[in-house]
Amino acid sequence: MINMPEWQRCLDAQFDPPKPGQYRAQPEDFWVDEQLDFTPEAHGEHLWLRVEKRNQTTLDVVKTLSRLCSVTPRDIGYSGMKDRIAVTRQWLSVHLPGRDAPPELEQSLNALGITVVEQARHPRKLKRGVHRTNRFVLRLSGEAIDSEDFVSRWETLCQHGVPNYFGPQRFGPEGRNLQRAEALLNRGWRKRDDRQGMMLSTARSFLFNELLSARIADGTWSQPLAGDTLMLDGTQSVFRIDASDPTLQARAAELDVHPTGVLWGVGEADQRDAADYEARLLEHYPGLCNGLERSGVKQARRALRMRLLEPQLAWEPGAARLSFSLPRGSFATAVLGELMLTNG
């Protein structure tokens, strides 16, 4: 049985181990705002709602909208899953062809702790992964923010980027999702056992984190290697290189391109020096790797590094307040893991 490891921090070689800290004593300490790069068109069959919620998951809101609007959950779209213990804003869409929303919808949502910030019609359902970034405002407290190197840690992350780890929430309490994924892949993945593909995602996330941790340990996580697949910053565009050169090294130093790691599946492996890291995954976790390939899931790439967008640090009595945006799919907990020791 695979147990959850403690993955390598990129700042370990530069600073003393981080001190303990807290970042989610109450929902208001963890604020997230999902950012689209377009606006609804003000007409169409789908009602788009930008909502603010506390202490609820995105799927909780989906169930509530399904009940109040008398539609099935399949008629409701959302771009990303947002944290429960947090104050979060995001868009959802409800398919209401030829009819208006119930007149009491906003009032009913308000009574359940969900506020409609704005709404508009749009011709299409909101699809997964179409938002561009998430804006975070996090209130940190504890011993970590009083340590002498806290500001230096933060400034280093702002300048050089952050390891793009999948956060602990991907793996469930005590890593139980990983153990479920391992068992499912060992007996043979079937769609009916994993309708949303969460177990496939969990296994791929674990393997990615392992590869990233190995490259951090070797000092290669932010620099192109021969045979690497690189991703342009701010896009999903990738290209493979035969060899690194001073121009690519300079672009990586400027955070213009990032090395990527595999999201395991059916596809072509990296080449040359970069291939060694994928070979290690196959050697150490053959059950996960072979099980993912047997499932038929297609290989994808994920940047090993993320750039903090518009980062800010402010101080208040007994706390530090961090503000930054991250590309969709990146985890604020990966940033916090470089700054403090937390309970997950």
Protein backbone atom coordinates (compact mmCIF):
# COMPACT_ATOMS: atom_id res chain seq x y z
CA MET A 1 0.00 0.00 0.00
CA ILE A 2 1.33 3.43 -0.99
CA ASN A 3 1.51 5.95 1.84
CA MET A 4 1.62 9.71 1.46
CA PRO A 5 5.20 11.04 1.56
CA GLU A 6 6.38 14.49 2.59
CA TRP A 7 7.44 16.04 -0.69
CA GLN A 8 10.55 18.14 -1.09
CA ARG A 9 10.31 21.91 -0.61
CA CYS A 10 12.23 24.08 -3.06
CA LEU A 11 13.38 26.42 -0.27
CA ASP A 12 14.89 23.67 1.89
CA ALA A 13 18.40 24.29 0.61
CA GLN A 14 18.26 28.06 1.20
CA PHE A 15 16.60 28.42 4.59
CA ASP A 16 16.12 26.64 7.87
CA PRO A 17 13.02 24.41 8.06
CA PRO A 18 9.81 26.50 8.15
CA LYS A 19 8.02 27.10 11.43
CA PRO A 20 4.44 26.07 12.26
CA GLY A 21 1.62 28.37 11.20
CA GLN A 22 -2.12 28.60 10.70
CA TYR A 23 -3.96 29.78 7.62
CA ARG A 24 -7.60 28.74 7.97
CA ALA A 25 -8.76 29.37 11.53
CA GLN A 26 -12.05 30.63 10.05
CA PRO A 27 -13.48 30.80 6.51
CA GLU A 28 -12.66 34.50 6.16
CA ASP A 29 -8.93 33.65 6.46
CA PHE A 30 -9.05 31.89 3.06
CA TRP A 31 -10.66 33.95 0.31
CA VAL A 32 -10.81 32.83 -3.34
CA ASP A 33 -12.24 34.59 -6.39
CA GLU A 34 -12.45 32.69 -9.68
CA GLN A 35 -11.48 34.86 -12.66
CA LEU A 36 -12.85 34.35 -16.18
CA ASP A 37 -11.31 36.11 -19.18
CA PHE A 38 -14.71 36.70 -20.82
CA THR A 39 -18.18 37.85 -19.77
CA PRO A 40 -21.58 36.21 -20.40
CA GLU A 41 -23.33 37.49 -23.53
CA ALA A 42 -26.58 38.56 -21.76
CA HIS A 43 -28.79 36.19 -23.77
CA GLY A 44 -29.31 32.46 -24.19
CA GLU A 45 -30.73 29.34 -22.54
CA HIS A 46 -28.32 29.24 -19.60
CA LEU A 47 -28.55 31.45 -16.53
CA TRP A 48 -25.06 32.20 -15.24
CA LEU A 49 -24.76 33.05 -11.55
CA ARG A 50 -21.68 34.40 -9.81
CA VAL A 51 -22.10 33.33 -6.22
CA GLU A 52 -20.26 33.79 -2.94
CA LYS A 53 -20.35 30.89 -0.48
CA ARG A 54 -18.99 30.00 2.96
CA ASN A 55 -18.45 26.54 4.49
CA GLN A 56 -19.85 24.79 1.42
CA THR A 57 -18.32 22.90 -1.45
CA THR A 58 -19.06 23.63 -5.08
CA LEU A 59 -21.05 20.39 -5.29
CA ASP A 60 -23.15 21.53 -2.31
CA VAL A 61 -24.14 24.59 -4.34
CA VAL A 62 -24.86 22.42 -7.39
CA LYS A 63 -27.26 20.29 -5.36
CA THR A 64 -28.97 23.36 -3.95
CA LEU A 65 -29.43 24.95 -7.38
CA SER A 66 -30.69 21.67 -8.77
CA ARG A 67 -33.40 21.53 -6.13
CA LEU A 68 -34.41 25.18 -6.24
CA CYS A 69 -34.52 25.39 -10.05
CA SER A 70 -36.07 21.92 -10.59
CA VAL A 71 -33.29 20.74 -12.89
CA THR A 72 -30.88 17.81 -12.75
CA PRO A 73 -27.28 18.29 -11.59
CA ARG A 74 -26.23 17.61 -15.20
CA ASP A 75 -27.99 20.84 -16.19
CA ILE A 76 -25.64 22.85 -13.97
CA GLY A 77 -22.15 23.83 -15.06
CA TYR A 78 -19.13 25.08 -13.16
CA SER A 79 -15.51 25.69 -14.06
CA GLY A 80 -13.63 24.69 -10.92
CA MET A 81 -14.08 23.07 -7.52
CA LYS A 82 -13.68 25.49 -4.65
CA ASP A 83 -12.72 24.88 -1.01
CA ARG A 84 -15.31 24.33 1.71
CA ILE A 85 -13.64 26.09 4.64
CA ALA A 86 -13.26 29.38 2.80
CA VAL A 87 -15.08 32.35 1.35
CA THR A 88 -15.19 31.69 -2.38
CA ARG A 89 -16.66 33.33 -5.44
CA GLN A 90 -17.29 31.46 -8.66
CA TRP A 91 -19.62 31.23 -11.64
CA LEU A 92 -22.17 28.45 -12.15
CA SER A 93 -24.65 28.02 -14.99
CA VAL A 94 -28.20 26.60 -14.90
CA HIS A 95 -29.92 25.38 -18.07
CA LEU A 96 -33.30 27.14 -18.11
CA PRO A 97 -34.50 27.13 -21.74
CA GLY A 98 -37.62 29.20 -22.23
CA ARG A 99 -38.12 30.05 -18.59
CA ASP A 100 -36.90 32.38 -15.88
CA ALA A 101 -35.33 31.38 -12.60
CA PRO A 102 -37.76 30.97 -9.69
CA PRO A 103 -38.57 34.46 -8.35
CA GLU A 104 -37.49 33.47 -4.85
CA LEU A 105 -34.16 31.97 -5.97
CA GLU A 106 -31.85 34.66 -4.58
CA GLN A 107 -33.74 34.84 -1.29
CA SER A 108 -33.66 31.06 -0.90
CA LEU A 109 -29.94 30.93 -1.63
CA ASN A 110 -29.31 33.77 0.83
CA ALA A 111 -31.05 31.82 3.57
CA LEU A 112 -28.59 28.96 2.94
CA GLY A 113 -25.49 31.17 3.09
CA ILE A 114 -25.07 31.61 -0.69
CA THR A 115 -25.09 35.14 -2.11
CA VAL A 116 -25.69 35.91 -5.79
CA VAL A 117 -23.12 38.58 -6.66
CA GLU A 118 -24.21 38.96 -10.29
CA GLN A 119 -26.12 37.07 -12.95
CA ALA A 120 -26.52 37.05 -16.74
CA ARG A 121 -27.74 34.83 -19.55
CA HIS A 122 -25.41 33.01 -21.90
CA PRO A 123 -25.94 30.66 -24.89
CA ARG A 124 -23.73 27.86 -23.52
CA LYS A 125 -23.21 25.83 -20.39
CA LEU A 126 -20.21 26.70 -18.23
CA LYS A 127 -17.58 24.01 -18.85
CA ARG A 128 -14.89 22.66 -16.54
CA GLY A 129 -11.55 24.42 -16.60
CA VAL A 130 -12.49 27.53 -18.58
CA HIS A 131 -11.53 30.05 -15.89
CA ARG A 132 -8.10 31.59 -16.30
CA THR A 133 -6.94 32.23 -12.73
CA ASN A 134 -7.98 32.20 -9.09
CA ARG A 135 -7.29 35.21 -6.89
CA PHE A 136 -6.38 34.32 -3.29
CA VAL A 137 -6.29 36.46 -0.16
CA LEU A 138 -4.93 34.45 2.78
CA ARG A 139 -4.56 35.47 6.41
CA LEU A 140 -1.61 33.70 8.09
CA SER A 141 -0.74 33.57 11.76
CA GLY A 142 1.49 31.60 14.13
CA GLU A 143 5.19 31.15 14.70
CA ALA A 144 6.03 31.05 10.98
CA ILE A 145 5.21 34.69 10.27
CA ASP A 146 7.42 35.83 13.15
CA SER A 147 10.49 33.97 11.88
CA GLU A 148 13.37 36.04 10.52
CA ASP A 149 13.26 34.43 7.09
CA PHE A 150 9.50 34.64 6.42
CA VAL A 151 9.77 37.72 4.19
CA SER A 152 12.84 36.32 2.41
CA ARG A 153 10.98 33.08 1.69
CA TRP A 154 8.06 35.01 0.26
CA GLU A 155 10.26 37.23 -1.90
CA THR A 156 12.16 34.20 -3.23
CA LEU A 157 8.88 32.57 -4.31
CA CYS A 158 7.78 35.81 -5.98
CA GLN A 159 11.05 36.04 -7.91
CA HIS A 160 11.70 32.42 -8.84
CA GLY A 161 8.29 30.73 -8.79
CA VAL A 162 6.69 27.98 -6.71
CA PRO A 163 6.64 24.18 -7.14
CA ASN A 164 3.32 23.39 -8.82
CA TYR A 165 2.39 20.55 -6.48
CA PHE A 166 -1.12 19.17 -6.30
CA GLY A 167 -2.37 20.12 -2.85
CA PRO A 168 -3.18 17.65 -0.06
CA GLN A 169 -6.93 18.11 -0.64
CA ARG A 170 -6.50 16.16 -3.89
CA PHE A 171 -5.61 13.03 -1.90
CA GLY A 172 -8.30 13.15 0.79
CA PRO A 173 -7.94 12.84 4.57
CA GLU A 174 -4.77 10.90 5.46
CA GLY A 175 -4.26 10.14 1.75
CA ARG A 176 -7.20 7.74 1.62
CA ASN A 177 -8.08 8.72 -1.97
CA LEU A 178 -4.65 7.49 -3.06
CA GLN A 179 -5.20 4.13 -1.40
CA ARG A 180 -8.60 3.86 -3.09
CA ALA A 181 -7.05 4.74 -6.44
CA GLU A 182 -4.31 2.15 -6.00
CA ALA A 183 -6.85 -0.58 -5.21
CA LEU A 184 -9.04 0.38 -8.17
CA LEU A 185 -6.16 0.41 -10.65
CA ASN A 186 -4.81 -2.90 -9.36
CA ARG A 187 -8.10 -4.65 -10.07
CA GLY A 188 -8.71 -2.78 -13.31
CA TRP A 189 -10.26 0.66 -13.69
CA ARG A 190 -13.87 0.84 -14.86
CA LYS A 191 -15.90 3.94 -15.57
CA ARG A 192 -18.80 2.74 -13.45
CA ASP A 193 -16.50 2.58 -10.40
CA ASP A 194 -15.13 6.11 -10.93
CA ARG A 195 -17.79 8.18 -12.68
CA GLN A 196 -16.03 11.52 -12.27
CA GLY A 197 -12.53 10.13 -12.88
CA MET A 198 -11.41 11.24 -9.41
CA MET A 199 -9.36 8.10 -8.77
CA LEU A 200 -7.52 8.48 -12.07
CA SER A 201 -6.83 12.11 -11.20
CA THR A 202 -5.59 11.16 -7.73
CA ALA A 203 -3.12 8.60 -9.10
CA ARG A 204 -1.81 10.96 -11.77
CA SER A 205 -1.45 13.77 -9.22
CA PHE A 206 0.57 11.55 -6.90
CA LEU A 207 2.94 10.49 -9.67
CA PHE A 208 3.37 14.10 -10.80
CA ASN A 209 4.20 15.21 -7.25
CA GLU A 210 6.75 12.41 -6.96
CA LEU A 211 8.47 13.48 -10.19
CA LEU A 212 8.47 17.14 -9.13
CA SER A 213 9.90 16.25 -5.72
CA ALA A 214 12.71 14.28 -7.36
CA ARG A 215 13.60 17.18 -9.64
CA ILE A 216 13.60 19.60 -6.70
CA ALA A 217 15.96 17.26 -4.85
CA ASP A 218 18.24 17.22 -7.91
CA GLY A 219 18.00 20.99 -8.45
CA THR A 220 16.44 20.64 -11.93
CA TRP A 221 12.80 21.55 -11.30
CA SER A 222 13.08 25.09 -12.68
CA GLN A 223 15.70 24.54 -15.40
CA PRO A 224 15.22 22.84 -18.78
CA LEU A 225 16.86 19.47 -19.32
CA ALA A 226 17.71 17.72 -22.56
CA GLY A 227 14.55 16.02 -23.79
CA ASP A 228 12.23 18.13 -21.63
CA THR A 229 8.78 19.28 -22.65
CA LEU A 230 8.46 22.98 -21.84
CA MET A 231 5.31 25.04 -21.29
CA LEU A 232 4.93 28.70 -22.13
CA ASP A 233 4.00 30.74 -19.06
CA GLY A 234 0.31 31.64 -18.89
CA THR A 235 -0.71 29.12 -21.57
CA GLN A 236 -1.07 25.39 -22.07
CA SER A 237 1.21 25.50 -25.14
CA VAL A 238 4.06 23.01 -24.94
CA PHE A 239 7.10 22.13 -27.04
CA ARG A 240 9.82 19.51 -26.66
CA ILE A 241 13.52 20.37 -26.75
CA ASP A 242 16.38 18.11 -27.78
CA ALA A 243 18.88 20.01 -25.64
CA SER A 244 19.01 23.00 -23.35
CA ASP A 245 20.91 26.15 -24.30
CA PRO A 246 21.68 29.59 -22.82
CA THR A 247 18.61 31.13 -24.45
CA LEU A 248 16.24 28.59 -22.92
CA GLN A 249 18.02 28.86 -19.57
CA ALA A 250 17.53 32.63 -19.64
CA ARG A 251 13.85 32.30 -20.56
CA ALA A 252 13.37 29.87 -17.68
CA ALA A 253 15.10 32.27 -15.27
CA GLU A 254 12.67 34.98 -16.41
CA LEU A 255 9.69 32.63 -15.79
CA ASP A 256 8.79 32.75 -19.48
CA VAL A 257 8.94 28.95 -19.88
CA HIS A 258 8.63 26.13 -17.36
CA PRO A 259 9.71 22.49 -17.44
CA THR A 260 6.75 20.13 -17.27
CA GLY A 261 6.03 16.78 -15.69
CA VAL A 262 3.88 13.99 -17.02
CA LEU A 263 0.29 13.39 -16.00
CA TRP A 264 0.64 9.66 -16.60
CA GLY A 265 -1.31 7.97 -19.34
CA VAL A 266 -1.10 6.67 -22.87
CA GLY A 267 1.38 8.74 -24.87
CA GLU A 268 5.01 9.46 -25.71
CA ALA A 269 7.51 9.65 -22.86
CA ASP A 270 10.11 12.39 -22.41
CA GLN A 271 13.52 11.80 -23.95
CA ARG A 272 17.18 11.87 -22.88
CA ASP A 273 17.90 13.38 -19.44
CA ALA A 274 14.27 14.19 -18.67
CA ALA A 275 13.28 10.58 -19.39
CA ASP A 276 15.13 9.35 -16.29
CA TYR A 277 12.47 10.82 -14.02
CA GLU A 278 9.60 9.08 -15.77
CA ALA A 279 11.57 5.83 -15.75
CA ARG A 280 11.90 6.11 -11.95
CA LEU A 281 8.13 6.45 -11.60
CA LEU A 282 7.58 3.29 -13.63
CA GLU A 283 10.19 1.46 -11.57
CA HIS A 284 8.80 2.48 -8.19
CA TYR A 285 5.05 2.54 -8.98
CA PRO A 286 4.40 0.01 -11.75
CA GLY A 287 0.87 -0.68 -10.48
CA LEU A 288 -0.20 2.94 -10.80
CA CYS A 289 1.59 3.56 -14.10
CA ASN A 290 0.43 0.38 -15.83
CA GLY A 291 -3.06 0.70 -14.38
CA LEU A 292 -3.40 4.22 -15.76
CA GLU A 293 -2.28 3.09 -19.19
CA ARG A 294 -4.74 0.19 -19.14
CA SER A 295 -7.52 2.64 -18.29
CA GLY A 296 -6.89 4.41 -21.59
CA VAL A 297 -6.47 7.89 -20.10
CA LYS A 298 -4.40 10.10 -22.39
CA GLN A 299 -1.10 11.51 -21.19
CA ALA A 300 -0.99 15.25 -20.45
CA ARG A 301 1.59 17.71 -19.21
CA ARG A 302 1.64 20.05 -16.20
CA ALA A 303 4.15 22.79 -15.49
CA LEU A 304 6.54 21.94 -12.66
CA ARG A 305 6.54 25.57 -11.60
CA MET A 306 3.91 28.28 -11.18
CA ARG A 307 4.40 32.03 -11.20
CA LEU A 308 2.71 34.15 -8.55
CA LEU A 309 0.65 36.83 -10.30
CA GLU A 310 0.36 40.27 -8.68
CA PRO A 311 1.75 39.07 -5.32
CA GLN A 312 1.34 41.30 -2.28
CA LEU A 313 2.27 40.99 1.39
CA ALA A 314 0.61 43.15 4.04
CA TRP A 315 0.79 43.09 7.82
CA GLU A 316 -1.90 43.44 10.44
CA PRO A 317 -1.82 42.82 14.22
CA GLY A 318 -0.75 39.21 14.77
CA ALA A 319 -1.10 38.20 11.12
CA ALA A 320 0.29 38.44 7.59
CA ARG A 321 -2.04 38.83 4.62
CA LEU A 322 -0.91 37.36 1.30
CA SER A 323 -2.62 38.21 -1.99
CA PHE A 324 -1.81 36.55 -5.31
CA SER A 325 -3.36 34.91 -8.35
CA LEU A 326 -2.57 31.42 -9.66
CA PRO A 327 -3.35 29.68 -12.95
CA ARG A 328 -6.33 27.34 -12.87
CA GLY A 329 -5.48 23.95 -11.46
CA SER A 330 -2.74 25.30 -9.18
CA PHE A 331 -3.02 25.11 -5.40
CA ALA A 332 -2.52 27.89 -2.86
CA THR A 333 -1.58 25.19 -0.35
CA ALA A 334 1.56 24.56 -2.43
CA VAL A 335 2.57 28.17 -1.80
CA LEU A 336 1.84 27.86 1.91
CA GLY A 337 3.84 24.64 2.14
CA GLU A 338 6.99 26.63 1.30
CA LEU A 339 6.27 29.23 3.99
CA MET A 340 5.06 27.29 7.02
CA LEU A 341 4.36 23.89 8.50
CA THR A 342 0.62 23.19 8.48
CA ASN A 343 -1.73 20.33 9.23
CA GLY A 344 -2.73 20.03 5.59
